[in-house]
């Protein structure tokens, strides 16, 4: 292993009597460790999706990579496992955490941008909005997703698709280095020249290999984009959906869009023209000739907000909910769609379906650079699909959660004939067969690397290899 030297770091909290004694974990991180029964435990254990009831053996908040290494060693000595977690997005698949220290990286938020090299370095707790706002003054943009409060590290480990993806590919393949703590408690840098197998695995292989403490990645010279929404009443879906799908299949790489069937809640922060309505929305970004949208505009949208806008505005273009939200979601990867697929989707999620879902259905346009192996790729070279399907409902109460789960299942099952059987793990909010996210060559290689760097299974990932 190529390790990073530990600098002098006076924590004053690590004692020799930690081994085998779980309560001793509370001496780490300046006392920023919460055990069941502590006053701060219930707040500390809360993921972004507050409908997920995770109850770990302890929750720890390290301040930096050195404290991460101390915690990993102490947890291992105490016979506990470790689950890294930043924001807590995609927490649902983690499963029981009775013997697990939940290692929250939300205190590690430093972001540095190098405008000359067009790169950024983000610590494990940094959010995409942190990167976007620091890159923008230099005319640069990152391959962020559709939500400003998603963590850079988890998004990058699982792939990462957003408004620039059909032009520039997956965020995982824009990563140039990871800094992480291994199961041995060593701080390691993995890049193309150091720990190259580990570097390959981390780019798309998820959190199975250690605790990532920082990510370095390329930025792109994007200062503005032509972006916005096209909006119809959702009863126009039978007319609009087939045209969009046919257009999306052959659209140039410089445009990335999503189509959504939305039931917009009556919330005051939502623009009045959208509030408390059922809509069909096509949103997205164009990095080239905006005339590419002409076939969609010919469908006479009720509202057309596409215009040139500063790149940072795209971080909130999708209007995803920010902050903790109780939700249920399901996803699938789809191949080419036909008339039967449109009927099935609208029957399960359209105007007469009786759906209770907030996002009754979302189809993300894939293809372009996402469909081709990246020249410098890791374990996830591309997404082998034409569309990513995602469906989501609110789970504010157990009863609402059960109803939303039934309706999300119904949508995914209705589209099963057009599914290609693959998985995109960043969208998989429940346990799935992880092998289906990788090709036949990548899967055994990932498992070999995981077994080499974490032979005892110390680390708990949301999607286990």
Protein backbone atom coordinates (compact mmCIF):
# COMPACT_ATOMS: atom_id res chain seq x y z
CA UNK A 1 0.00 0.00 0.00
CA UNK A 2 1.10 3.56 -0.73
CA UNK A 3 0.32 5.26 2.56
CA UNK A 4 -0.01 8.93 3.43
CA UNK A 5 2.24 10.00 6.28
CA UNK A 6 0.41 10.95 9.47
CA UNK A 7 1.28 14.46 10.53
CA UNK A 8 1.50 15.42 14.19
CA UNK A 9 -2.09 15.57 15.43
CA UNK A 10 -2.88 16.10 19.09
CA UNK A 11 -6.33 14.59 19.64
CA UNK A 12 -5.75 13.52 23.21
CA UNK A 13 -8.67 11.11 23.02
CA UNK A 14 -7.24 7.75 22.00
CA UNK A 15 -6.30 5.53 24.91
CA UNK A 16 -4.60 2.16 25.00
CA UNK A 17 -7.66 0.56 26.60
CA UNK A 18 -9.86 0.89 23.49
CA UNK A 19 -9.34 -2.66 22.27
CA UNK A 20 -12.43 -4.77 22.58
CA UNK A 21 -14.42 -2.15 24.46
CA UNK A 22 -17.12 -0.41 22.47
CA UNK A 23 -17.78 2.38 25.02
CA UNK A 24 -14.20 3.53 24.58
CA UNK A 25 -15.20 4.83 21.14
CA UNK A 26 -16.76 7.78 22.93
CA UNK A 27 -13.27 9.03 23.76
CA UNK A 28 -12.54 9.71 20.10
CA UNK A 29 -13.31 12.77 17.99
CA UNK A 30 -13.42 15.15 20.90
CA UNK A 31 -16.42 13.29 22.26
CA UNK A 32 -18.31 13.51 18.95
CA UNK A 33 -19.46 9.91 19.28
CA UNK A 34 -23.05 9.04 20.12
CA UNK A 35 -24.10 5.70 21.60
CA UNK A 36 -27.67 4.39 21.96
CA UNK A 37 -29.29 6.18 24.87
CA UNK A 38 -27.18 9.32 24.50
CA UNK A 39 -29.18 12.56 24.13
CA UNK A 40 -27.77 13.21 20.63
CA UNK A 41 -28.01 9.67 19.30
CA UNK A 42 -31.38 9.92 17.55
CA UNK A 43 -30.38 13.08 15.70
CA UNK A 44 -26.95 11.72 14.81
CA UNK A 45 -28.25 8.46 13.33
CA UNK A 46 -30.72 10.20 10.98
CA UNK A 47 -30.02 9.80 7.25
CA UNK A 48 -31.22 12.17 4.52
CA UNK A 49 -34.19 9.88 3.94
CA UNK A 50 -35.74 10.06 7.38
CA UNK A 51 -38.05 7.16 6.53
CA UNK A 52 -35.00 4.88 6.93
CA UNK A 53 -34.70 3.85 10.58
CA UNK A 54 -30.97 3.12 10.97
CA UNK A 55 -29.87 2.17 14.49
CA UNK A 56 -26.09 1.73 14.60
CA UNK A 57 -24.01 0.63 17.57
CA UNK A 58 -22.46 4.12 17.56
CA UNK A 59 -22.35 7.27 15.43
CA UNK A 60 -19.03 9.07 15.11
CA UNK A 61 -18.18 12.47 13.62
CA UNK A 62 -14.46 12.62 12.78
CA UNK A 63 -13.01 16.05 12.09
CA UNK A 64 -10.41 14.91 9.56
CA UNK A 65 -8.70 11.93 7.93
CA UNK A 66 -6.48 11.28 10.95
CA UNK A 67 -9.49 10.90 13.22
CA UNK A 68 -11.09 8.64 10.58
CA UNK A 69 -8.06 6.36 10.78
CA UNK A 70 -8.21 6.35 14.59
CA UNK A 71 -11.88 5.45 14.52
CA UNK A 72 -11.38 2.62 12.04
CA UNK A 73 -8.66 1.10 14.18
CA UNK A 74 -10.69 1.50 17.37
CA UNK A 75 -13.85 0.02 15.83
CA UNK A 76 -11.91 -2.96 14.50
CA UNK A 77 -10.29 -3.54 17.90
CA UNK A 78 -13.72 -3.40 19.54
CA UNK A 79 -15.11 -6.03 17.19
CA UNK A 80 -17.33 -3.56 15.37
CA UNK A 81 -17.66 -2.82 11.66
CA UNK A 82 -17.68 0.61 9.98
CA UNK A 83 -20.21 2.19 7.61
CA UNK A 84 -19.06 5.51 6.10
CA UNK A 85 -21.90 7.96 5.53
CA UNK A 86 -21.92 11.59 4.44
CA UNK A 87 -25.38 12.94 3.81
CA UNK A 88 -27.20 9.63 4.20
CA UNK A 89 -28.61 9.57 0.68
CA UNK A 90 -29.25 5.99 -0.47
CA UNK A 91 -29.19 4.67 3.11
CA UNK A 92 -32.04 2.22 2.59
CA UNK A 93 -29.98 -0.76 1.38
CA UNK A 94 -27.57 -0.70 4.36
CA UNK A 95 -29.64 -3.11 6.46
CA UNK A 96 -29.16 -3.80 10.20
CA UNK A 97 -26.35 -1.84 11.87
CA UNK A 98 -26.33 -3.46 15.30
CA UNK A 99 -22.57 -4.09 15.23
CA UNK A 100 -21.64 -1.08 13.10
CA UNK A 101 -20.12 2.33 13.81
CA UNK A 102 -21.80 4.81 11.50
CA UNK A 103 -18.96 7.12 10.52
CA UNK A 104 -20.48 10.46 9.52
CA UNK A 105 -18.12 12.63 7.46
CA UNK A 106 -20.27 15.77 7.52
CA UNK A 107 -17.64 17.78 9.42
CA UNK A 108 -15.11 17.26 6.59
CA UNK A 109 -16.25 19.85 4.06
CA UNK A 110 -13.15 21.58 2.66
CA UNK A 111 -13.17 22.16 -1.12
CA UNK A 112 -10.20 23.44 -3.14
CA UNK A 113 -10.32 24.39 -6.83
CA UNK A 114 -7.23 24.58 -9.04
CA UNK A 115 -8.32 26.69 -12.03
CA UNK A 116 -5.05 26.17 -13.89
CA UNK A 117 -5.32 22.37 -13.82
CA UNK A 118 -9.14 22.48 -13.96
CA UNK A 119 -9.45 20.18 -10.98
CA UNK A 120 -11.10 20.17 -7.58
CA UNK A 121 -10.39 18.38 -4.31
CA UNK A 122 -13.38 17.82 -2.04
CA UNK A 123 -13.30 16.27 1.40
CA UNK A 124 -15.68 13.43 2.15
CA UNK A 125 -18.42 15.57 3.67
CA UNK A 126 -18.53 18.20 0.92
CA UNK A 127 -21.80 18.69 -0.96
CA UNK A 128 -22.07 19.38 -4.66
CA UNK A 129 -23.23 22.93 -4.04
CA UNK A 130 -19.91 23.54 -2.23
CA UNK A 131 -17.99 22.54 -5.37
CA UNK A 132 -20.29 24.30 -7.83
CA UNK A 133 -20.02 27.64 -6.05
CA UNK A 134 -16.22 27.49 -5.80
CA UNK A 135 -15.69 26.41 -9.42
CA UNK A 136 -18.05 28.95 -11.01
CA UNK A 137 -15.91 32.10 -10.55
CA UNK A 138 -13.28 30.39 -12.74
CA UNK A 139 -15.75 29.53 -15.52
CA UNK A 140 -15.62 25.86 -14.52
CA UNK A 141 -18.25 23.25 -13.68
CA UNK A 142 -18.25 19.77 -12.17
CA UNK A 143 -20.27 16.75 -13.30
CA UNK A 144 -22.71 17.20 -10.42
CA UNK A 145 -26.15 15.66 -10.19
CA UNK A 146 -29.61 17.18 -9.93
CA UNK A 147 -29.55 17.93 -6.18
CA UNK A 148 -27.31 20.51 -4.48
CA UNK A 149 -27.24 18.65 -1.15
CA UNK A 150 -25.95 15.30 -2.42
CA UNK A 151 -22.46 14.41 -1.20
CA UNK A 152 -19.57 14.45 -3.65
CA UNK A 153 -17.95 11.25 -2.34
CA UNK A 154 -20.90 8.86 -2.41
CA UNK A 155 -22.15 10.19 -5.75
CA UNK A 156 -18.69 9.73 -7.29
CA UNK A 157 -18.17 6.24 -5.89
CA UNK A 158 -21.46 5.02 -7.38
CA UNK A 159 -21.15 6.55 -10.86
CA UNK A 160 -22.80 9.98 -10.96
CA UNK A 161 -25.09 11.28 -13.71
CA UNK A 162 -26.29 14.84 -14.20
CA UNK A 163 -26.97 17.55 -16.76
CA UNK A 164 -23.59 17.29 -18.49
CA UNK A 165 -23.39 13.50 -18.57
CA UNK A 166 -24.28 12.78 -22.20
CA UNK A 167 -21.47 15.15 -23.20
CA UNK A 168 -18.86 14.21 -20.57
CA UNK A 169 -19.86 10.82 -19.10
CA UNK A 170 -19.99 9.57 -15.53
CA UNK A 171 -18.52 11.60 -12.68
CA UNK A 172 -16.75 8.44 -11.45
CA UNK A 173 -14.61 8.51 -14.57
CA UNK A 174 -13.74 12.18 -14.09
CA UNK A 175 -12.12 11.32 -10.73
CA UNK A 176 -8.32 11.55 -10.75
CA UNK A 177 -7.59 10.41 -7.18
CA UNK A 178 -9.12 9.17 -3.95
CA UNK A 179 -7.74 9.51 -0.46
CA UNK A 180 -9.04 6.85 1.89
CA UNK A 181 -8.51 4.92 5.08
CA UNK A 182 -8.15 1.17 4.66
CA UNK A 183 -9.29 -1.65 6.93
CA UNK A 184 -5.81 -1.63 8.49
CA UNK A 185 -6.34 2.00 9.52
CA UNK A 186 -3.81 3.26 6.98
CA UNK A 187 -4.27 6.46 5.00
CA UNK A 188 -3.80 5.74 1.31
CA UNK A 189 -3.86 7.68 -1.94
CA UNK A 190 -5.21 5.81 -4.96
CA UNK A 191 -4.70 7.23 -8.45
CA UNK A 192 -3.49 6.12 -11.87
CA UNK A 193 0.09 5.68 -10.60
CA UNK A 194 -0.48 4.55 -7.00
CA UNK A 195 -2.74 1.66 -5.99
CA UNK A 196 -4.08 1.53 -9.53
CA UNK A 197 -6.27 -1.55 -8.92
CA UNK A 198 -7.91 0.15 -5.95
CA UNK A 199 -8.32 3.34 -7.98
CA UNK A 200 -10.07 1.36 -10.71
CA UNK A 201 -12.41 -0.28 -8.19
CA UNK A 202 -13.36 2.95 -6.42
CA UNK A 203 -14.55 4.54 -9.67
CA UNK A 204 -17.99 2.97 -9.67
CA UNK A 205 -17.48 0.17 -7.13
CA UNK A 206 -19.08 2.05 -4.22
CA UNK A 207 -18.05 2.17 -0.58
CA UNK A 208 -16.75 -1.38 -0.25
CA UNK A 209 -13.03 -0.63 -0.05
CA UNK A 210 -12.47 1.83 2.79
CA UNK A 211 -13.50 5.23 4.11
CA UNK A 212 -12.95 7.83 1.42
CA UNK A 213 -11.71 11.04 3.01
CA UNK A 214 -11.22 13.15 -0.12
CA UNK A 215 -11.86 13.02 -3.87
CA UNK A 216 -9.96 14.80 -6.63
CA UNK A 217 -11.62 15.20 -10.02
CA UNK A 218 -11.64 17.09 -13.28
CA UNK A 219 -13.65 20.24 -13.87
CA UNK A 220 -14.93 21.38 -17.25
CA UNK A 221 -14.96 24.81 -18.97
CA UNK A 222 -18.71 25.43 -18.66
CA UNK A 223 -19.75 28.90 -17.55
CA UNK A 224 -23.27 28.92 -18.94
CA UNK A 225 -25.77 26.43 -20.32
CA UNK A 226 -29.06 26.70 -22.17
CA UNK A 227 -31.37 25.07 -19.64
CA UNK A 228 -34.88 25.09 -18.26
CA UNK A 229 -38.26 23.37 -18.22
CA UNK A 230 -40.94 22.53 -20.80
CA UNK A 231 -44.26 22.00 -19.01
CA UNK A 232 -47.61 20.47 -20.02
CA UNK A 233 -50.62 19.27 -18.07
CA UNK A 234 -50.01 15.56 -17.49
CA UNK A 235 -53.06 14.70 -19.58
CA UNK A 236 -50.88 15.66 -22.54
CA UNK A 237 -48.50 12.80 -21.71
CA UNK A 238 -49.87 10.37 -24.30
CA UNK A 239 -49.06 12.97 -26.98
CA UNK A 240 -45.71 14.20 -25.63
CA UNK A 241 -44.05 11.05 -24.24
CA UNK A 242 -43.62 9.14 -27.56
CA UNK A 243 -42.22 12.21 -29.30
CA UNK A 244 -39.71 12.87 -26.51
CA UNK A 245 -38.60 9.22 -26.41
CA UNK A 246 -38.06 9.13 -30.19
CA UNK A 247 -36.20 12.45 -30.05
CA UNK A 248 -34.08 11.39 -27.06
CA UNK A 249 -32.90 8.23 -28.81
CA UNK A 250 -31.06 10.17 -31.54
CA UNK A 251 -30.40 13.54 -29.89
CA UNK A 252 -26.81 14.84 -30.02
CA UNK A 253 -24.53 14.36 -27.05
CA UNK A 254 -24.62 18.04 -26.11
CA UNK A 255 -28.15 17.79 -24.69
CA UNK A 256 -29.27 15.91 -21.57
CA UNK A 257 -32.91 15.85 -20.46
CA UNK A 258 -35.34 14.12 -18.12
CA UNK A 259 -39.09 13.60 -18.47
CA UNK A 260 -41.21 13.51 -15.33
CA UNK A 261 -44.81 12.92 -14.39
CA UNK A 262 -45.18 15.12 -11.32
CA UNK A 263 -47.85 15.71 -8.72
CA UNK A 264 -46.73 19.05 -7.33
CA UNK A 265 -47.69 19.71 -3.69
CA UNK A 266 -49.37 22.97 -2.60
CA UNK A 267 -46.24 24.40 -1.00
CA UNK A 268 -45.73 28.18 -0.91
CA UNK A 269 -42.09 28.00 -2.05
CA UNK A 270 -43.18 26.42 -5.35
CA UNK A 271 -44.00 28.89 -8.17
CA UNK A 272 -47.75 29.48 -8.38
CA UNK A 273 -47.95 28.36 -12.00
CA UNK A 274 -46.78 24.88 -10.93
CA UNK A 275 -48.24 24.61 -7.42
CA UNK A 276 -50.79 21.90 -6.60
CA UNK A 277 -50.93 20.60 -10.15
CA UNK A 278 -50.32 17.34 -12.06
CA UNK A 279 -47.75 18.00 -14.76
CA UNK A 280 -45.56 16.49 -17.41
CA UNK A 281 -42.15 18.19 -17.33
CA UNK A 282 -39.15 17.90 -19.60
CA UNK A 283 -36.15 19.63 -18.07
CA UNK A 284 -32.52 19.59 -19.05
CA UNK A 285 -29.47 21.39 -20.35
CA UNK A 286 -28.01 22.08 -23.79
CA UNK A 287 -24.28 22.69 -24.22
CA UNK A 288 -24.52 23.31 -27.98
CA UNK A 289 -27.09 24.54 -30.48
CA UNK A 290 -30.40 25.17 -28.65
CA UNK A 291 -32.33 24.47 -31.86
CA UNK A 292 -32.02 20.82 -30.84
CA UNK A 293 -35.16 21.46 -28.75
CA UNK A 294 -37.29 22.42 -31.75
CA UNK A 295 -39.17 19.07 -32.01
CA UNK A 296 -40.16 19.37 -28.34
CA UNK A 297 -41.19 22.99 -28.62
CA UNK A 298 -43.36 22.03 -31.58
CA UNK A 299 -45.53 20.16 -29.05
CA UNK A 300 -46.66 23.56 -27.71
CA UNK A 301 -45.72 23.44 -24.03
CA UNK A 302 -47.79 25.53 -21.65
CA UNK A 303 -44.58 26.88 -20.12
CA UNK A 304 -41.10 27.14 -21.65
CA UNK A 305 -38.35 28.46 -19.38
CA UNK A 306 -35.32 27.33 -21.43
CA UNK A 307 -32.78 30.13 -21.63
CA UNK A 308 -29.08 30.78 -21.18
CA UNK A 309 -28.25 30.64 -17.49
CA UNK A 310 -25.15 30.54 -15.28
CA UNK A 311 -23.90 27.02 -14.76
CA UNK A 312 -24.42 27.09 -10.96
CA UNK A 313 -28.18 27.45 -11.50
CA UNK A 314 -28.29 23.93 -12.91
CA UNK A 315 -27.60 22.53 -9.46
CA UNK A 316 -31.20 23.37 -8.52
CA UNK A 317 -32.82 23.08 -11.95
CA UNK A 318 -34.57 19.81 -11.12
CA UNK A 319 -36.06 21.31 -7.92
CA UNK A 320 -35.32 18.16 -5.93
CA UNK A 321 -36.25 18.52 -2.25
CA UNK A 322 -33.38 19.72 -0.09
CA UNK A 323 -32.84 18.67 3.48
CA UNK A 324 -34.15 15.56 5.25
CA UNK A 325 -37.13 14.04 3.45
CA UNK A 326 -39.17 10.87 4.16
CA UNK A 327 -39.33 9.05 0.83
CA UNK A 328 -39.71 5.71 -0.93
CA UNK A 329 -38.11 5.16 -4.33
CA UNK A 330 -37.57 2.45 -6.93
CA UNK A 331 -35.56 2.45 -10.14
CA UNK A 332 -34.71 0.43 -13.24
CA UNK A 333 -32.62 0.73 -16.38
CA UNK A 334 -34.59 0.51 -19.61
CA UNK A 335 -33.79 -0.21 -23.23
CA UNK A 336 -35.61 1.14 -26.27
CA UNK A 337 -39.25 2.04 -25.63
CA UNK A 338 -42.21 1.36 -27.90
CA UNK A 339 -45.95 2.08 -27.92
CA UNK A 340 -46.55 -0.70 -25.42
CA UNK A 341 -44.05 0.86 -23.02
CA UNK A 342 -45.78 4.23 -23.18
CA UNK A 343 -49.15 2.63 -22.46
CA UNK A 344 -47.69 0.65 -19.56
CA UNK A 345 -46.01 3.68 -18.01
CA UNK A 346 -49.09 5.87 -18.22
CA UNK A 347 -51.29 3.06 -16.96
CA UNK A 348 -49.14 2.75 -13.83
CA UNK A 349 -48.17 6.40 -13.28
CA UNK A 350 -50.32 8.58 -15.51
CA UNK A 351 -53.47 10.67 -15.08
CA UNK A 352 -55.91 7.77 -14.64
CA UNK A 353 -53.62 5.46 -12.68
CA UNK A 354 -54.69 6.55 -9.19
CA UNK A 355 -51.04 6.99 -8.28
CA UNK A 356 -50.18 8.64 -4.98
CA UNK A 357 -46.59 9.34 -5.99
CA UNK A 358 -45.00 12.77 -5.91
CA UNK A 359 -42.69 11.78 -8.75
CA UNK A 360 -44.99 9.30 -10.44
CA UNK A 361 -42.31 8.48 -12.97
CA UNK A 362 -39.05 9.98 -14.18
CA UNK A 363 -37.16 8.92 -17.28
CA UNK A 364 -33.59 10.18 -17.53
CA UNK A 365 -32.16 10.34 -21.02
CA UNK A 366 -28.98 8.25 -21.21
CA UNK A 367 -26.84 7.39 -24.23
CA UNK A 368 -24.22 9.71 -25.66
CA UNK A 369 -20.99 9.61 -23.66
CA UNK A 370 -22.83 7.64 -20.96
CA UNK A 371 -23.30 4.77 -23.40
CA UNK A 372 -19.67 4.54 -24.51
CA UNK A 373 -16.78 3.25 -22.40
CA UNK A 374 -14.87 6.25 -21.09
CA UNK A 375 -11.27 6.41 -22.35
CA UNK A 376 -10.00 6.51 -18.75
CA UNK A 377 -12.53 4.46 -16.85
CA UNK A 378 -12.87 2.49 -13.68
CA UNK A 379 -15.21 -0.33 -12.70
CA UNK A 380 -18.20 1.40 -14.31
CA UNK A 381 -17.12 2.38 -17.83
CA UNK A 382 -20.63 3.27 -19.04
CA UNK A 383 -24.36 2.81 -18.39
CA UNK A 384 -25.74 0.13 -20.69
CA UNK A 385 -29.26 1.52 -21.15
CA UNK A 386 -31.30 4.07 -23.08
CA UNK A 387 -33.19 5.44 -20.06
CA UNK A 388 -33.03 5.38 -16.28
CA UNK A 389 -36.45 5.02 -14.67
CA UNK A 390 -37.00 6.44 -11.20
CA UNK A 391 -40.23 6.70 -9.24
CA UNK A 392 -40.66 8.26 -5.82
CA UNK A 393 -43.32 8.85 -3.16
CA UNK A 394 -43.50 10.52 0.23
CA UNK A 395 -43.40 8.38 3.39
CA UNK A 396 -44.30 10.91 6.09
CA UNK A 397 -46.21 8.20 7.99
CA UNK A 398 -45.91 4.41 7.94
CA UNK A 399 -49.22 4.22 6.08
CA UNK A 400 -48.03 6.70 3.44
CA UNK A 401 -44.81 4.74 3.15
CA UNK A 402 -46.64 1.48 2.51
CA UNK A 403 -48.84 3.11 -0.12
CA UNK A 404 -45.89 4.79 -1.83
CA UNK A 405 -43.92 1.54 -1.82
CA UNK A 406 -46.83 -0.30 -3.44
CA UNK A 407 -47.16 2.37 -6.12
CA UNK A 408 -43.41 2.57 -6.86
CA UNK A 409 -43.36 -1.21 -7.19
CA UNK A 410 -46.30 -1.03 -9.55
CA UNK A 411 -44.51 1.36 -11.89
CA UNK A 412 -41.28 -0.65 -11.99
CA UNK A 413 -43.18 -3.90 -12.51
CA UNK A 414 -45.21 -2.36 -15.33
CA UNK A 415 -41.97 -1.41 -17.09
CA UNK A 416 -40.25 -4.76 -16.48
CA UNK A 417 -40.70 -5.94 -20.10
CA UNK A 418 -38.51 -3.02 -21.21
CA UNK A 419 -35.93 -3.36 -18.43
CA UNK A 420 -32.51 -4.63 -19.52
CA UNK A 421 -31.89 -6.32 -16.16
CA UNK A 422 -29.04 -3.99 -15.21
CA UNK A 423 -28.85 -1.73 -12.13
CA UNK A 424 -27.60 1.79 -11.53
CA UNK A 425 -26.76 1.62 -7.84
CA UNK A 426 -26.96 5.35 -7.08
CA UNK A 427 -30.68 5.14 -7.86
CA UNK A 428 -31.26 1.79 -6.11
CA UNK A 429 -32.99 2.73 -2.84
CA UNK A 430 -33.51 -0.90 -1.77
CA UNK A 431 -31.30 -3.98 -1.77
CA UNK A 432 -30.68 -5.27 -5.28
CA UNK A 433 -28.42 -7.87 -6.86
CA UNK A 434 -25.25 -5.78 -6.96
CA UNK A 435 -23.62 -7.90 -9.67
CA UNK A 436 -26.19 -6.60 -12.17
CA UNK A 437 -24.54 -3.18 -12.06
CA UNK A 438 -21.31 -4.46 -13.62
CA UNK A 439 -20.17 -6.33 -16.69
CA UNK A 440 -18.90 -9.89 -16.60
CA UNK A 441 -15.24 -8.88 -16.41
CA UNK A 442 -15.60 -6.14 -13.81
CA UNK A 443 -17.60 -8.09 -11.23
CA UNK A 444 -15.01 -10.77 -10.30
CA UNK A 445 -12.22 -8.20 -10.39
CA UNK A 446 -14.13 -5.97 -7.95
CA UNK A 447 -14.64 -8.86 -5.56
CA UNK A 448 -10.96 -9.84 -5.69
CA UNK A 449 -9.89 -6.28 -4.89
CA UNK A 450 -12.44 -6.02 -2.09
CA UNK A 451 -11.21 -9.29 -0.56
CA UNK A 452 -7.60 -8.08 -0.79
CA UNK A 453 -8.14 -4.70 0.88
CA UNK A 454 -10.82 -5.73 3.39
CA UNK A 455 -10.50 -9.48 3.99
CA UNK A 456 -12.46 -9.43 7.25
CA UNK A 457 -15.42 -7.44 5.89
CA UNK A 458 -14.86 -4.47 8.20
CA UNK A 459 -16.61 -1.98 5.93
CA UNK A 460 -20.34 -1.93 5.37
CA UNK A 461 -21.46 -0.45 2.05
CA UNK A 462 -25.01 0.29 1.03
CA UNK A 463 -24.54 -2.00 -1.99
CA UNK A 464 -22.30 -4.90 -0.96
CA UNK A 465 -20.07 -6.62 -3.48
